[in-house]
Amino acid sequence: MTQHILIVGGSSDIGLHVAENLLHNGHIVTIFARDESRLEHIKTQGANIVLGDARETNDFVRLLEHIGDAVVDGVVHCVGSIVLRPPHAMKKTDFTEVIETNLTTAF
């Protein structure tokens, strides 16, 4: 059964690998991502591409407008960021950005 899968953060290595597998198995794939330079190969395989930043409400609204009334059977969330320093060396703005990127975008 063909399913429509949305991959948020789909220009990541994991997102691209998942997209390739889904397309290979006959599914419809829509990728929402920022890095257009990493998406050309997967686009030629049939993925629908919507450029945008998952942290930006207007970009996400544009994604929803693109999908329209289509049924989305599943969502893969590949948005992520990491700060490699001890907590006592982090600024609050750095911490907030990691939370916004990793957690808020999932909701």
C-alpha atoms as a PDB file:
ATOM      1  CA  MET A   1       0.000   0.000   0.000  1.00  0.00           C
ATOM      2  CA  THR A   2       1.422   3.358  -1.033  1.00  0.00           C
ATOM      3  CA  GLN A   3       1.680   5.882   1.767  1.00  0.00           C
ATOM      4  CA  HIS A   4       2.485   9.598   1.786  1.00  0.00           C
ATOM      5  CA  ILE A   5       5.314  10.353   4.197  1.00  0.00           C
ATOM      6  CA  LEU A   6       6.471  13.838   5.223  1.00  0.00           C
ATOM      7  CA  ILE A   7      10.126  14.185   6.217  1.00  0.00           C
ATOM      8  CA  VAL A   8      10.820  17.348   8.199  1.00  0.00           C
ATOM      9  CA  GLY A   9      14.516  18.174   8.163  1.00  0.00           C
ATOM     10  CA  GLY A  10      14.876  15.966   5.117  1.00  0.00           C
ATOM     11  CA  SER A  11      18.212  17.306   3.880  1.00  0.00           C
ATOM     12  CA  SER A  12      20.013  15.610   6.778  1.00  0.00           C
ATOM     13  CA  ASP A  13      21.903  12.388   6.093  1.00  0.00           C
ATOM     14  CA  ILE A  14      19.277  10.380   7.960  1.00  0.00           C
ATOM     15  CA  GLY A  15      16.407  12.186   6.234  1.00  0.00           C
ATOM     16  CA  LEU A  16      17.860  11.553   2.779  1.00  0.00           C
ATOM     17  CA  HIS A  17      18.493   7.881   3.552  1.00  0.00           C
ATOM     18  CA  VAL A  18      14.931   7.404   4.818  1.00  0.00           C
ATOM     19  CA  ALA A  19      13.552   9.231   1.764  1.00  0.00           C
ATOM     20  CA  GLU A  20      15.523   7.017  -0.635  1.00  0.00           C
ATOM     21  CA  ASN A  21      14.228   3.868   1.067  1.00  0.00           C
ATOM     22  CA  LEU A  22      10.646   5.097   1.049  1.00  0.00           C
ATOM     23  CA  LEU A  23      10.800   6.110  -2.625  1.00  0.00           C
ATOM     24  CA  HIS A  24      12.428   2.798  -3.518  1.00  0.00           C
ATOM     25  CA  ASN A  25       9.471   1.045  -1.867  1.00  0.00           C
ATOM     26  CA  GLY A  26       6.934   3.045  -3.879  1.00  0.00           C
ATOM     27  CA  HIS A  27       5.821   5.608  -1.330  1.00  0.00           C
ATOM     28  CA  ILE A  28       5.077   9.286  -1.907  1.00  0.00           C
ATOM     29  CA  VAL A  29       7.638  11.448  -0.107  1.00  0.00           C
ATOM     30  CA  THR A  30       7.462  15.139   0.692  1.00  0.00           C
ATOM     31  CA  ILE A  31      10.633  16.671   2.114  1.00  0.00           C
ATOM     32  CA  PHE A  32      10.624  19.904   4.094  1.00  0.00           C
ATOM     33  CA  ALA A  33      14.169  21.195   4.460  1.00  0.00           C
ATOM     34  CA  ARG A  34      16.444  24.225   4.386  1.00  0.00           C
ATOM     35  CA  ASP A  35      19.460  22.963   2.450  1.00  0.00           C
ATOM     36  CA  GLU A  36      18.441  22.945  -1.207  1.00  0.00           C
ATOM     37  CA  SER A  37      21.955  21.978  -2.336  1.00  0.00           C
ATOM     38  CA  ARG A  38      21.557  18.531  -0.728  1.00  0.00           C
ATOM     39  CA  LEU A  39      18.158  17.778  -2.276  1.00  0.00           C
ATOM     40  CA  GLU A  40      18.815  17.615  -6.032  1.00  0.00           C
ATOM     41  CA  HIS A  41      19.534  13.878  -6.101  1.00  0.00           C
ATOM     42  CA  ILE A  42      16.445  12.922  -4.112  1.00  0.00           C
ATOM     43  CA  LYS A  43      14.296  15.278  -6.199  1.00  0.00           C
ATOM     44  CA  THR A  44      15.308  13.385  -9.353  1.00  0.00           C
ATOM     45  CA  GLN A  45      14.082  10.207  -7.632  1.00  0.00           C
ATOM     46  CA  GLY A  46      10.591  11.685  -7.296  1.00  0.00           C
ATOM     47  CA  ALA A  47      10.496  13.381  -3.900  1.00  0.00           C
ATOM     48  CA  ASN A  48       8.367  16.484  -3.498  1.00  0.00           C
ATOM     49  CA  ILE A  49      10.507  19.292  -2.094  1.00  0.00           C
ATOM     50  CA  VAL A  50       9.343  22.229   0.000  1.00  0.00           C
ATOM     51  CA  LEU A  51      12.093  24.586   1.130  1.00  0.00           C
ATOM     52  CA  GLY A  52      11.791  26.138   4.551  1.00  0.00           C
ATOM     53  CA  ASP A  53      12.909  26.280   8.144  1.00  0.00           C
ATOM     54  CA  ALA A  54      10.886  24.189  10.609  1.00  0.00           C
ATOM     55  CA  ARG A  55      11.480  26.872  13.258  1.00  0.00           C
ATOM     56  CA  GLU A  56       9.670  29.473  11.149  1.00  0.00           C
ATOM     57  CA  THR A  57       5.874  29.501  11.362  1.00  0.00           C
ATOM     58  CA  ASN A  58       5.430  31.110   7.932  1.00  0.00           C
ATOM     59  CA  ASP A  59       7.571  28.420   6.291  1.00  0.00           C
ATOM     60  CA  PHE A  60       5.591  25.681   8.008  1.00  0.00           C
ATOM     61  CA  VAL A  61       2.305  27.275   6.904  1.00  0.00           C
ATOM     62  CA  ARG A  62       3.647  27.272   3.335  1.00  0.00           C
ATOM     63  CA  LEU A  63       4.399  23.552   3.717  1.00  0.00           C
ATOM     64  CA  LEU A  64       0.835  22.883   4.849  1.00  0.00           C
ATOM     65  CA  GLU A  65      -0.497  24.905   1.901  1.00  0.00           C
ATOM     66  CA  HIS A  66       1.666  22.819  -0.442  1.00  0.00           C
ATOM     67  CA  ILE A  67       0.293  19.572   0.997  1.00  0.00           C
ATOM     68  CA  GLY A  68      -3.250  20.889   0.792  1.00  0.00           C
ATOM     69  CA  ASP A  69      -5.908  18.211   1.219  1.00  0.00           C
ATOM     70  CA  ALA A  70      -3.510  15.331   0.607  1.00  0.00           C
ATOM     71  CA  VAL A  71      -3.456  12.682   3.305  1.00  0.00           C
ATOM     72  CA  VAL A  72      -0.134  12.368   5.128  1.00  0.00           C
ATOM     73  CA  ASP A  73       0.224   8.877   6.545  1.00  0.00           C
ATOM     74  CA  GLY A  74       3.373   9.486   8.560  1.00  0.00           C
ATOM     75  CA  VAL A  75       5.907  12.096   9.619  1.00  0.00           C
ATOM     76  CA  VAL A  76       9.634  11.594  10.103  1.00  0.00           C
ATOM     77  CA  HIS A  77      11.253  14.337  12.193  1.00  0.00           C
ATOM     78  CA  CYS A  78      14.959  14.745  11.348  1.00  0.00           C
ATOM     79  CA  VAL A  79      15.487  18.290  12.575  1.00  0.00           C
ATOM     80  CA  GLY A  80      18.314  18.476  15.039  1.00  0.00           C
ATOM     81  CA  SER A  81      21.136  20.489  16.506  1.00  0.00           C
ATOM     82  CA  ILE A  82      23.753  19.856  19.143  1.00  0.00           C
ATOM     83  CA  VAL A  83      26.037  22.096  21.134  1.00  0.00           C
ATOM     84  CA  LEU A  84      29.200  20.351  22.192  1.00  0.00           C
ATOM     85  CA  ARG A  85      30.151  22.160  25.370  1.00  0.00           C
ATOM     86  CA  PRO A  86      29.400  21.604  29.037  1.00  0.00           C
ATOM     87  CA  PRO A  87      26.189  23.147  30.373  1.00  0.00           C
ATOM     88  CA  HIS A  88      28.039  25.624  32.593  1.00  0.00           C
ATOM     89  CA  ALA A  89      29.780  27.014  29.479  1.00  0.00           C
ATOM     90  CA  MET A  90      26.544  27.531  27.520  1.00  0.00           C
ATOM     91  CA  LYS A  91      24.759  30.817  27.199  1.00  0.00           C
ATOM     92  CA  LYS A  92      21.024  30.794  27.740  1.00  0.00           C
ATOM     93  CA  THR A  93      20.482  31.803  24.103  1.00  0.00           C
ATOM     94  CA  ASP A  94      22.468  28.748  22.952  1.00  0.00           C
ATOM     95  CA  PHE A  95      20.388  26.470  25.172  1.00  0.00           C
ATOM     96  CA  THR A  96      17.142  28.044  23.937  1.00  0.00           C
ATOM     97  CA  GLU A  97      18.176  27.589  20.311  1.00  0.00           C
ATOM     98  CA  VAL A  98      18.897  23.882  20.856  1.00  0.00           C
ATOM     99  CA  ILE A  99      15.517  23.387  22.551  1.00  0.00           C
ATOM    100  CA  GLU A 100      13.718  25.304  19.802  1.00  0.00           C
ATOM    101  CA  THR A 101      15.462  23.339  17.073  1.00  0.00           C
ATOM    102  CA  ASN A 102      15.230  19.865  18.560  1.00  0.00           C
ATOM    103  CA  LEU A 103      12.013  19.898  20.538  1.00  0.00           C
ATOM    104  CA  THR A 104       9.740  22.730  19.424  1.00  0.00           C
ATOM    105  CA  THR A 105       9.972  21.818  15.749  1.00  0.00           C
ATOM    106  CA  ALA A 106       8.627  18.359  16.554  1.00  0.00           C
ATOM    107  CA  PHE A 107       5.431  19.902  17.845  1.00  0.00           C
END
